[in-house]
Every structure is written in structure tokens, then in C-alpha cells.
Amino acid sequence: MPHPQTLHAFERDRRLLIAARGFRSIAQGVLAADFALFLRASAWDAARIGAVLAGGLAFAVVLTLLAAASDRWGRKRFLLGYEILYVLSCAAASLHPSGAVLSLAAITGAFGRGANGSAGPFGSIEQAWLTQGLRKSEPLTRLLSLNTSFGFAGMAVGAALGALPALGHVAPTRAADYHLIFPLALVFALACLACVALARDRHGREREAIEPEPGRERDTRRGENRHLRNLGLVNLLQGAGIGLSGPLVSYWFARRFGLGPGQIAPLMAAGFVAAALSAPLGARLTSRLGLMGAIVPLRVAALVALVLMPLAPGPAWAMAAYLLHKTLNRSTNGLRAAVTARLVRNHRRGFAGAISSIARQVPRSLGPLVAGVMMDSGWLAAPFLLGASFQAAYLYLYQSRFRASAAAETDPYPVGPKLESS
């Protein structure tokens, strides 16, 4: 789990943003564990559940279009708006968890998606704010790995809280048994909002310090735009793989093995605990093998586990494969964030994040719907196997397109001018 002393190595605003990610991830973890089970208890079939999850991802694409504007207008107002929207969605679901209100809240709040604590479509804005004015005493890889660890730790807490509906029930079957998940998510969403509100955005000072030379700026932008085209291409494949194999996993365990929240929530919590512990280890592995040398073998092993999970003969084997897949996959999140952070300069990361996220979210938004139709047709293994094939293609292109950037000893596109704390 993240070490408090490591957090104190960073300045106040970065600590607040990392704390915000922790609180946000707890809210996400509760709903990632239980939201699909709540809908199943409400007599929704897999296709209908997948349609709501797909709607949330499609709405995220719309929000992502706004991310590019953060390069001009600053980071804080966009992240504040996102957190307020999430709080309102949780509040609406708490007050009226049925019908059109619930569907609208689920789509605007992306319930059940589980973004590992990130700010969803504004995740790139959060990262640009977090790395704003980074000093040499605050290493990029360590900062992003720590932020990732807090996200996983919070998701673990949230997923563990997702077991509460099972208290007093062997396998809760009534929708009413799950109603407490929305007030729980609301409490932590409010804590996240408070942290974001207290953090300072010095984006304006950073922009004023940028004085590019016209010729050099043109060449730099050309190189950055080439990186962004490649990133968009590989993220199309990644989004397709995640959309097929991720959002309906709790529904799959319930459908395939008859498991309830008492078994599924602790399983997901264990996966996030393992990921929180493995994220710092990934950063250490990078010091020996380099970024891509650490990312590729971990992701290959995760792919093998994803293929084995739907083929498992019993729940114990499927759970073991799921834990291995999630742990290895998530251990590379901070490392891949560091690679991405090197592709463009800080003051263009809103635009870069919009391009990257839209490429990922469009195919990802279709994944739950396709997976739901497959599961309703009895093809329970198909979404995971198809998702694994997309992930394999993504990994091949990712390492071939970005190996040179990952191998750079220093950041070719600095995160911004050094700003003194005030």
C-alpha cells in the first residue's frame, strides 16, 4: 500500500490531488463491485446492463471533447465540474434508485465502470495538473506510480465495502439490498470534491513562462503530433479490449458460477490491494529493465491470465486467473503514464488527453453492449477471448511505436517550468 512518507515528499497541491484520487477511487470501487449486481437483482438482463454501461462510456467521450480546452482555461475548473457532476449523480441515485433517474445518473456518473480512481474523461487533465511545475526532487515515474497506487488502494477499500449488501444474506437477490451503495459512494465523492476545491492550479503562471522559438516550436509540435497519431491508433485497440473484458466481469462471475457480492466484492478488493502493492514494484523494475522492458513482460503475462480466466473449470481457478490478470495489468499503469507524459509538453496535455481518450473510449463504449449480447446468447467466454486478441494487438503496436520514447533517460518534453510553492 502507499507509504505516507512517500506522499510527504511532494508539495501540498500534489498531495491534495493524490488524496482526491484515493477518495474518488473508493466511490468507484463500491459501484464497480456492486452496480451490475444491483441491476441484475432489479431483473435487468445482460444486454440492458451493457447498454447502460455503454451509455456511460459514450457520455465520457462527449466530456472528453472538452479536455482540450483545459490547455487554455486551466485544469481546476474542469476537474471541479466533473466532481460536481459525479456528486449529483450519486445523490440522484441515492434519493431515487430506479427507472429513468437511475439510468441518467448511471450514464452521467459512469457507474460500474471503475476507472481505477482516475477522473474518467478528465483523467488527462488530472495528470497535467498533477505534474504541473514538477521539480527535480519530485521524480515523474515515482509521482505517477504513487498516484496509481492510491487509486488502487482506494478501489480496494471501495470494493471491500461492496460486500456490505451480503451481510445477513447468503446471496442477496432483492434490489433493495443494494441501495446503500449509492450513499456510500456519495460520501467519498464529496471528500474528493473537497480535495480538488482546496488544490491550487498554477496553469496561468506556467503558460506565461513559455516563450517558444517559432522554428523550434514548429518542429517540436510536428514530433508531438506524430506521437499523438500513434497513441490514438493503439488506444483504439486497447479500448476495444477493455470494453469487452472489463465492465461485465462481476455479472460474468454471477452468471457462470452463481457468486454474489459476498464473494465477488472481496475478490475485486484483493485484486486492487495486489495492484496497489505491485505499482511501486513496477517502478523499481523499471530502474533495471527500462520502462518498456518492464511493461511488455508484465502485460504479456496478464494477457495469458485473461485467456485462462473464462476457460477455468471452477470459481477458484477463475478467481486466481482474474487476480493475476488484474494485478499484472495494473502494475504497468504508472509506467505507461510516464511514457505518455514524455510524448508532449505539459501545456498541451489537455489536447493530447482528448485525442488519446476519445480513441480509447469510442470502441470501449461499444464493448459492454457487445459483451452483454454475447453473454445473453450463452457465449460466456467469447467477450474475454476477443478482448484478449485486441489487447495483444495493442501491446505489439504500443511497444513498437513508443520504445524509443520510453528508453529516453530524461523527459524530452519537460513537464513545465519550475514553479516555487507559495
Protein backbone atom coordinates (compact mmCIF):
# COMPACT_ATOMS: atom_id res chain seq x y z
CA MET A 1 0.00 0.00 0.00
CA PRO A 2 1.22 3.59 -0.50
CA HIS A 3 3.65 4.78 2.17
CA PRO A 4 2.66 8.09 3.86
CA GLN A 5 6.26 9.32 4.00
CA THR A 6 6.49 8.95 0.21
CA LEU A 7 3.44 11.18 -0.14
CA HIS A 8 5.02 13.87 2.06
CA ALA A 9 7.93 14.11 -0.42
CA PHE A 10 5.61 16.05 -2.75
CA GLU A 11 4.26 19.56 -2.34
CA ARG A 12 0.81 20.43 -0.95
CA ASP A 13 -1.23 20.62 -4.16
CA ARG A 14 0.09 17.30 -5.41
CA ARG A 15 -0.78 15.70 -2.07
CA LEU A 16 -4.34 17.04 -2.32
CA LEU A 17 -4.76 15.70 -5.85
CA ILE A 18 -3.43 12.29 -4.85
CA ALA A 19 -5.82 12.28 -1.85
CA ALA A 20 -8.66 13.22 -4.22
CA ARG A 21 -7.82 10.20 -6.34
CA GLY A 22 -7.92 7.99 -3.26
CA PHE A 23 -11.39 9.20 -2.21
CA ARG A 24 -12.69 9.09 -5.78
CA SER A 25 -11.48 5.52 -6.20
CA ILE A 26 -13.33 4.37 -3.07
CA ALA A 27 -16.58 5.64 -4.57
CA GLN A 28 -15.75 4.00 -7.88
CA GLY A 29 -14.80 0.72 -6.16
CA VAL A 30 -18.15 0.38 -4.41
CA LEU A 31 -20.05 0.75 -7.67
CA ALA A 32 -17.59 -1.32 -9.72
CA ALA A 33 -18.24 -4.26 -7.39
CA ASP A 34 -21.99 -3.95 -6.97
CA PHE A 35 -23.67 -1.85 -9.64
CA ALA A 36 -24.06 -4.64 -12.22
CA LEU A 37 -25.23 -6.99 -9.45
CA PHE A 38 -27.79 -4.38 -8.34
CA LEU A 39 -29.14 -4.15 -11.89
CA ARG A 40 -29.25 -7.95 -12.14
CA ALA A 41 -31.23 -8.05 -8.87
CA SER A 42 -33.54 -5.46 -10.47
CA ALA A 43 -34.29 -8.03 -13.22
CA TRP A 44 -32.17 -6.37 -15.91
CA ASP A 45 -30.66 -8.74 -18.50
CA ALA A 46 -27.02 -8.55 -19.63
CA ALA A 47 -27.80 -6.65 -22.83
CA ARG A 48 -29.69 -3.94 -20.94
CA ILE A 49 -26.95 -3.66 -18.32
CA GLY A 50 -24.36 -3.46 -21.07
CA ALA A 51 -26.36 -0.71 -22.79
CA VAL A 52 -26.33 1.46 -19.65
CA LEU A 53 -22.60 0.90 -19.13
CA ALA A 54 -22.02 1.68 -22.81
CA GLY A 55 -24.08 4.85 -22.42
CA GLY A 56 -21.82 5.99 -19.60
CA LEU A 57 -18.75 5.40 -21.73
CA ALA A 58 -20.32 7.23 -24.69
CA PHE A 59 -21.12 10.20 -22.46
CA ALA A 60 -17.49 10.16 -21.33
CA VAL A 61 -16.48 10.66 -24.97
CA VAL A 62 -18.59 13.83 -25.08
CA LEU A 63 -16.92 15.14 -21.92
CA THR A 64 -13.51 14.27 -23.31
CA LEU A 65 -14.07 16.74 -26.15
CA LEU A 66 -13.87 19.47 -23.51
CA ALA A 67 -10.50 18.32 -22.21
CA ALA A 68 -8.52 20.13 -24.89
CA ALA A 69 -9.90 23.46 -23.65
CA SER A 70 -8.11 22.95 -20.32
CA ASP A 71 -4.83 23.86 -22.04
CA ARG A 72 -6.17 27.39 -22.37
CA TRP A 73 -8.57 27.77 -19.42
CA GLY A 74 -6.71 25.80 -16.75
CA ARG A 75 -7.21 22.44 -15.08
CA LYS A 76 -9.15 23.13 -11.90
CA ARG A 77 -12.48 24.33 -13.27
CA PHE A 78 -12.83 21.23 -15.46
CA LEU A 79 -11.98 18.79 -12.69
CA LEU A 80 -14.30 20.62 -10.28
CA GLY A 81 -17.12 20.38 -12.81
CA TYR A 82 -16.53 16.65 -13.22
CA GLU A 83 -16.56 16.02 -9.47
CA ILE A 84 -19.74 18.08 -9.01
CA LEU A 85 -21.43 16.05 -11.76
CA TYR A 86 -20.36 12.81 -10.07
CA VAL A 87 -21.65 14.00 -6.69
CA LEU A 88 -25.02 14.93 -8.24
CA SER A 89 -25.24 11.52 -9.95
CA CYS A 90 -24.59 9.69 -6.67
CA ALA A 91 -27.11 11.91 -4.86
CA ALA A 92 -29.80 11.27 -7.51
CA ALA A 93 -29.27 7.51 -7.32
CA SER A 94 -29.39 7.64 -3.51
CA LEU A 95 -32.72 9.50 -3.50
CA HIS A 96 -34.44 7.66 -6.33
CA PRO A 97 -32.61 4.41 -7.32
CA SER A 98 -35.00 3.27 -10.04
CA GLY A 99 -36.20 3.95 -13.57
CA ALA A 100 -35.14 6.89 -15.70
CA VAL A 101 -33.43 8.75 -12.84
CA LEU A 102 -31.15 5.81 -12.12
CA SER A 103 -30.33 5.31 -15.81
CA LEU A 104 -29.48 9.01 -16.23
CA ALA A 105 -27.37 9.03 -13.06
CA ALA A 106 -25.58 5.86 -14.17
CA ILE A 107 -24.75 7.33 -17.57
CA THR A 108 -23.56 10.75 -16.32
CA GLY A 109 -21.65 9.21 -13.39
CA ALA A 110 -20.34 6.20 -15.36
CA PHE A 111 -21.42 3.88 -12.54
CA GLY A 112 -19.79 0.46 -12.54
CA ARG A 113 -17.05 1.47 -14.92
CA GLY A 114 -14.25 1.58 -12.37
CA ALA A 115 -11.54 3.91 -13.74
CA ASN A 116 -9.02 2.88 -11.05
CA GLY A 117 -9.55 6.20 -9.31
CA SER A 118 -8.84 8.45 -12.29
CA ALA A 119 -11.14 11.29 -13.27
CA GLY A 120 -12.51 9.33 -16.22
CA PRO A 121 -12.71 11.52 -19.34
CA PHE A 122 -10.77 14.23 -17.48
CA GLY A 123 -8.01 11.86 -16.37
CA SER A 124 -5.52 13.59 -18.65
CA ILE A 125 -6.45 16.95 -17.09
CA GLU A 126 -5.83 15.50 -13.65
CA GLN A 127 -2.42 14.18 -14.75
CA ALA A 128 -1.44 17.50 -16.34
CA TRP A 129 -2.39 19.30 -13.12
CA LEU A 130 -0.55 16.74 -11.00
CA THR A 131 2.70 17.11 -12.99
CA GLN A 132 2.44 20.90 -13.24
CA GLY A 133 5.77 22.60 -12.41
CA LEU A 134 7.36 19.31 -11.36
CA ARG A 135 10.71 19.80 -9.64
CA LYS A 136 13.77 17.56 -9.97
CA SER A 137 13.25 16.47 -6.36
CA GLU A 138 9.87 15.04 -7.41
CA PRO A 139 10.64 12.24 -9.93
CA LEU A 140 7.96 11.78 -12.62
CA THR A 141 7.79 7.98 -12.55
CA ARG A 142 7.61 7.85 -8.75
CA LEU A 143 4.89 10.52 -8.66
CA LEU A 144 2.68 8.77 -11.22
CA SER A 145 3.26 5.35 -9.66
CA LEU A 146 2.29 6.74 -6.24
CA ASN A 147 -0.83 8.33 -7.69
CA THR A 148 -1.72 5.00 -9.31
CA SER A 149 -1.14 3.16 -6.01
CA PHE A 150 -3.54 5.46 -4.17
CA GLY A 151 -6.12 4.81 -6.86
CA PHE A 152 -5.78 1.05 -6.48
CA ALA A 153 -5.78 1.23 -2.67
CA GLY A 154 -8.99 3.26 -2.73
CA MET A 155 -10.59 0.87 -5.22
CA ALA A 156 -9.72 -1.98 -2.84
CA VAL A 157 -11.44 -0.22 0.06
CA GLY A 158 -14.46 0.55 -2.11
CA ALA A 159 -14.71 -2.98 -3.44
CA ALA A 160 -14.47 -4.33 0.12
CA LEU A 161 -17.33 -2.03 1.13
CA GLY A 162 -19.23 -3.60 -1.76
CA ALA A 163 -19.57 -6.73 0.35
CA LEU A 164 -21.92 -4.92 2.77
CA PRO A 165 -25.11 -5.96 0.89
CA ALA A 166 -24.17 -9.58 1.62
CA LEU A 167 -24.28 -9.06 5.40
CA GLY A 168 -27.16 -11.16 6.66
CA HIS A 169 -27.71 -12.67 3.19
CA VAL A 170 -26.09 -15.72 1.66
CA ALA A 171 -26.75 -14.23 -1.79
CA PRO A 172 -28.82 -11.03 -1.85
CA THR A 173 -31.43 -11.17 -4.58
CA ARG A 174 -33.51 -8.04 -3.88
CA ALA A 175 -32.62 -4.69 -5.39
CA ALA A 176 -33.37 -3.07 -2.03
CA ASP A 177 -30.42 -4.95 -0.50
CA TYR A 178 -28.07 -2.86 -2.65
CA HIS A 179 -29.50 0.63 -2.09
CA LEU A 180 -26.82 1.57 0.46
CA ILE A 181 -24.09 1.52 -2.22
CA PHE A 182 -25.17 4.91 -3.58
CA PRO A 183 -24.99 6.86 -0.27
CA LEU A 184 -21.60 5.21 0.36
CA ALA A 185 -20.29 6.39 -2.98
CA LEU A 186 -21.72 9.86 -2.33
CA VAL A 187 -19.79 10.31 0.94
CA PHE A 188 -16.44 9.63 -0.70
CA ALA A 189 -17.33 11.63 -3.80
CA LEU A 190 -17.88 14.66 -1.54
CA ALA A 191 -14.48 14.12 0.11
CA CYS A 192 -12.88 14.01 -3.34
CA LEU A 193 -14.64 17.23 -4.33
CA ALA A 194 -13.31 18.96 -1.21
CA CYS A 195 -9.70 17.99 -2.03
CA VAL A 196 -9.99 19.25 -5.60
CA ALA A 197 -11.53 22.51 -4.39
CA LEU A 198 -8.61 23.11 -1.99
CA ALA A 199 -5.85 22.41 -4.53
CA ARG A 200 -4.32 25.36 -6.38
CA ASP A 201 -4.00 25.48 -10.17
CA ARG A 202 -1.00 27.50 -11.38
CA HIS A 203 -1.61 26.82 -15.04
CA GLY A 204 -1.70 30.54 -15.88
CA ARG A 205 1.78 31.13 -14.47
CA GLU A 206 3.05 28.12 -16.37
CA ARG A 207 1.68 29.39 -19.70
CA GLU A 208 3.22 32.82 -19.13
CA ALA A 209 6.64 31.20 -18.69
CA ILE A 210 6.53 29.53 -22.12
CA GLU A 211 8.42 31.51 -24.76
CA PRO A 212 8.90 29.17 -27.73
CA GLU A 213 11.12 29.98 -30.71
CA PRO A 214 8.93 29.83 -33.86
CA GLY A 215 11.10 27.35 -35.81
CA ARG A 216 11.81 25.14 -32.84
CA GLU A 217 8.15 25.21 -31.78
CA ARG A 218 7.04 24.06 -35.24
CA ASP A 219 9.45 21.09 -35.21
CA THR A 220 8.51 20.17 -31.66
CA ARG A 221 4.79 20.23 -32.42
CA ARG A 222 5.32 18.10 -35.52
CA GLY A 223 7.03 15.45 -33.41
CA GLU A 224 4.36 15.64 -30.72
CA ASN A 225 1.56 15.31 -33.28
CA ARG A 226 3.20 12.21 -34.74
CA HIS A 227 3.26 10.68 -31.26
CA LEU A 228 -0.41 11.56 -30.78
CA ARG A 229 -1.44 9.88 -34.03
CA ASN A 230 0.34 6.71 -32.94
CA LEU A 231 -1.19 6.93 -29.48
CA GLY A 232 -4.68 7.29 -30.95
CA LEU A 233 -4.15 4.22 -33.11
CA VAL A 234 -3.02 1.93 -30.31
CA ASN A 235 -5.70 3.23 -27.96
CA LEU A 236 -8.42 2.17 -30.40
CA LEU A 237 -7.28 -1.42 -29.86
CA GLN A 238 -6.87 -1.01 -26.12
CA GLY A 239 -10.35 0.47 -25.75
CA ALA A 240 -11.92 -2.39 -27.68
CA GLY A 241 -10.17 -4.94 -25.47
CA ILE A 242 -11.09 -3.24 -22.19
CA GLY A 243 -14.72 -2.68 -23.18
CA LEU A 244 -15.24 -6.35 -23.95
CA SER A 245 -13.45 -7.86 -20.97
CA GLY A 246 -13.89 -5.38 -18.10
CA PRO A 247 -17.26 -3.82 -17.25
CA LEU A 248 -19.34 -7.04 -17.02
CA VAL A 249 -16.86 -9.17 -15.09
CA SER A 250 -18.93 -9.19 -11.86
CA TYR A 251 -22.03 -10.14 -13.88
CA TRP A 252 -19.99 -12.93 -15.52
CA PHE A 253 -18.96 -14.40 -12.16
CA ALA A 254 -22.58 -14.29 -11.03
CA ARG A 255 -23.83 -15.89 -14.24
CA ARG A 256 -21.10 -18.51 -14.66
CA PHE A 257 -20.63 -19.64 -11.05
CA GLY A 258 -23.65 -18.21 -9.19
CA LEU A 259 -21.49 -15.94 -7.00
CA GLY A 260 -22.88 -12.95 -5.09
CA PRO A 261 -21.36 -9.76 -3.65
CA GLY A 262 -20.09 -11.68 -0.61
CA GLN A 263 -17.64 -13.47 -2.92
CA ILE A 264 -17.21 -11.03 -5.80
CA ALA A 265 -16.55 -7.87 -3.76
CA PRO A 266 -13.68 -9.37 -1.69
CA LEU A 267 -12.24 -10.81 -4.90
CA MET A 268 -12.16 -7.40 -6.53
CA ALA A 269 -10.80 -5.84 -3.35
CA ALA A 270 -7.97 -8.37 -3.27
CA GLY A 271 -7.15 -7.54 -6.88
CA PHE A 272 -6.87 -3.83 -6.09
CA VAL A 273 -4.76 -4.48 -2.97
CA ALA A 274 -2.37 -6.57 -5.04
CA ALA A 275 -2.26 -3.84 -7.68
CA ALA A 276 -1.55 -1.15 -5.07
CA LEU A 277 1.36 -3.22 -3.78
CA SER A 278 2.68 -4.04 -7.26
CA ALA A 279 2.62 -0.50 -8.68
CA PRO A 280 5.73 0.69 -6.73
CA LEU A 281 7.46 -2.59 -7.61
CA GLY A 282 6.88 -1.82 -11.28
CA ALA A 283 8.68 1.48 -10.82
CA ARG A 284 11.64 -0.33 -9.24
CA LEU A 285 11.70 -2.88 -12.04
CA THR A 286 11.98 -0.01 -14.50
CA SER A 287 15.32 1.04 -12.97
CA ARG A 288 16.77 -2.31 -14.09
CA LEU A 289 14.94 -3.07 -17.34
CA GLY A 290 13.74 0.32 -18.52
CA LEU A 291 10.11 1.34 -18.97
CA MET A 292 9.29 -0.86 -21.96
CA GLY A 293 11.39 -3.72 -20.63
CA ALA A 294 9.16 -3.77 -17.56
CA ILE A 295 5.83 -3.09 -19.32
CA VAL A 296 5.95 -5.75 -22.05
CA PRO A 297 6.57 -8.94 -20.00
CA LEU A 298 4.06 -7.87 -17.34
CA ARG A 299 1.37 -7.21 -19.95
CA VAL A 300 2.09 -10.48 -21.79
CA ALA A 301 1.65 -12.47 -18.58
CA ALA A 302 -1.57 -10.53 -17.88
CA LEU A 303 -2.89 -11.48 -21.33
CA VAL A 304 -2.25 -15.17 -20.67
CA ALA A 305 -4.21 -14.91 -17.40
CA LEU A 306 -7.11 -13.16 -19.20
CA VAL A 307 -7.34 -16.03 -21.70
CA LEU A 308 -7.27 -18.63 -18.93
CA MET A 309 -9.99 -16.98 -16.79
CA PRO A 310 -13.08 -17.81 -18.94
CA LEU A 311 -11.69 -21.31 -19.59
CA ALA A 312 -11.30 -22.10 -15.87
CA PRO A 313 -13.20 -25.21 -14.71
CA GLY A 314 -14.24 -23.75 -11.35
CA PRO A 315 -14.60 -20.46 -9.46
CA ALA A 316 -11.32 -20.83 -7.55
CA TRP A 317 -9.28 -21.14 -10.76
CA ALA A 318 -11.22 -18.31 -12.41
CA MET A 319 -10.65 -16.06 -9.39
CA ALA A 320 -6.92 -16.84 -9.39
CA ALA A 321 -6.65 -16.01 -13.09
CA TYR A 322 -8.65 -12.81 -12.59
CA LEU A 323 -6.41 -11.69 -9.71
CA LEU A 324 -3.26 -12.43 -11.70
CA HIS A 325 -4.56 -10.64 -14.78
CA LYS A 326 -5.62 -7.52 -12.92
CA THR A 327 -2.50 -7.35 -10.74
CA LEU A 328 -0.06 -7.63 -13.63
CA ASN A 329 -2.05 -5.31 -15.90
CA ARG A 330 -2.49 -2.60 -13.29
CA SER A 331 1.15 -2.76 -12.19
CA THR A 332 2.03 -1.10 -15.51
CA ASN A 333 -0.43 1.81 -15.24
CA GLY A 334 2.02 4.24 -13.67
CA LEU A 335 4.77 3.15 -16.08
CA ARG A 336 2.58 3.71 -19.14
CA ALA A 337 1.50 7.07 -17.74
CA ALA A 338 5.18 8.03 -17.54
CA VAL A 339 5.68 7.02 -21.19
CA THR A 340 2.66 9.09 -22.23
CA ALA A 341 3.83 12.07 -20.18
CA ARG A 342 7.03 12.15 -22.26
CA LEU A 343 5.19 12.43 -25.58
CA VAL A 344 4.00 16.05 -25.23
CA ARG A 345 4.75 19.07 -23.08
CA ASN A 346 2.58 19.86 -20.08
CA HIS A 347 0.76 22.80 -21.64
CA ARG A 348 -0.53 20.52 -24.46
CA ARG A 349 -1.60 17.59 -22.32
CA GLY A 350 -5.26 18.58 -22.32
CA PHE A 351 -5.31 18.31 -26.11
CA ALA A 352 -3.25 15.13 -26.03
CA GLY A 353 -5.56 13.62 -23.44
CA ALA A 354 -8.62 14.43 -25.54
CA ILE A 355 -7.17 12.67 -28.60
CA SER A 356 -5.99 9.70 -26.56
CA SER A 357 -9.19 9.29 -24.55
CA ILE A 358 -11.57 9.62 -27.50
CA ALA A 359 -9.65 6.96 -29.41
CA ARG A 360 -9.93 4.67 -26.38
CA GLN A 361 -13.47 5.49 -25.28
CA VAL A 362 -15.30 5.14 -28.61
CA PRO A 363 -14.59 1.40 -29.04
CA ARG A 364 -14.72 0.91 -25.28
CA SER A 365 -18.26 2.30 -25.15
CA LEU A 366 -19.44 -0.39 -27.56
CA GLY A 367 -17.73 -3.21 -25.66
CA PRO A 368 -20.23 -3.73 -22.81
CA LEU A 369 -23.15 -3.82 -25.24
CA VAL A 370 -21.44 -6.41 -27.47
CA ALA A 371 -20.34 -8.43 -24.44
CA GLY A 372 -23.87 -8.36 -22.98
CA VAL A 373 -25.39 -9.68 -26.21
CA MET A 374 -22.77 -12.45 -26.32
CA MET A 375 -23.47 -13.47 -22.73
CA ASP A 376 -27.24 -13.48 -23.27
CA SER A 377 -26.58 -15.80 -26.24
CA GLY A 378 -24.65 -18.18 -23.98
CA TRP A 379 -21.19 -17.26 -25.28
CA LEU A 380 -19.74 -16.53 -21.86
CA ALA A 381 -16.08 -16.95 -22.83
CA ALA A 382 -16.25 -15.05 -26.12
CA PRO A 383 -16.00 -11.45 -24.79
CA PHE A 384 -12.84 -12.22 -22.83
CA LEU A 385 -11.12 -14.12 -25.65
CA LEU A 386 -11.99 -11.44 -28.20
CA GLY A 387 -10.90 -8.74 -25.74
CA ALA A 388 -7.57 -10.53 -25.25
CA SER A 389 -6.93 -10.53 -29.00
CA PHE A 390 -7.42 -6.76 -29.15
CA GLN A 391 -5.14 -6.31 -26.14
CA ALA A 392 -2.44 -8.43 -27.80
CA ALA A 393 -2.55 -6.26 -30.93
CA TYR A 394 -2.42 -3.15 -28.74
CA LEU A 395 0.68 -4.35 -26.88
CA TYR A 396 2.53 -5.21 -30.11
CA LEU A 397 1.92 -1.77 -31.62
CA TYR A 398 2.49 0.05 -28.31
CA GLN A 399 5.98 -1.34 -27.78
CA SER A 400 6.97 -0.88 -31.42
CA ARG A 401 5.78 2.75 -31.64
CA PHE A 402 6.95 4.04 -28.25
CA ARG A 403 10.06 2.03 -27.41
CA ALA A 404 12.34 4.95 -28.32
CA SER A 405 10.41 7.44 -26.16
CA ALA A 406 10.33 5.01 -23.23
CA ALA A 407 14.09 4.44 -23.49
CA ALA A 408 14.92 8.15 -23.11
CA GLU A 409 16.77 8.72 -19.83
CA THR A 410 15.29 12.20 -19.49
CA ASP A 411 11.97 13.67 -20.46
CA PRO A 412 12.37 15.11 -23.99
CA TYR A 413 9.32 17.29 -23.37
CA PRO A 414 9.69 18.73 -19.86
CA VAL A 415 6.58 18.92 -17.73
CA GLY A 416 6.90 22.67 -17.46
CA PRO A 417 8.87 25.45 -15.80
CA LYS A 418 9.85 25.16 -12.17
CA LEU A 419 7.29 26.96 -10.07
CA GLU A 420 8.01 27.81 -6.49
CA SER A 421 5.44 26.83 -3.89
CA SER A 422 3.56 29.74 -2.41
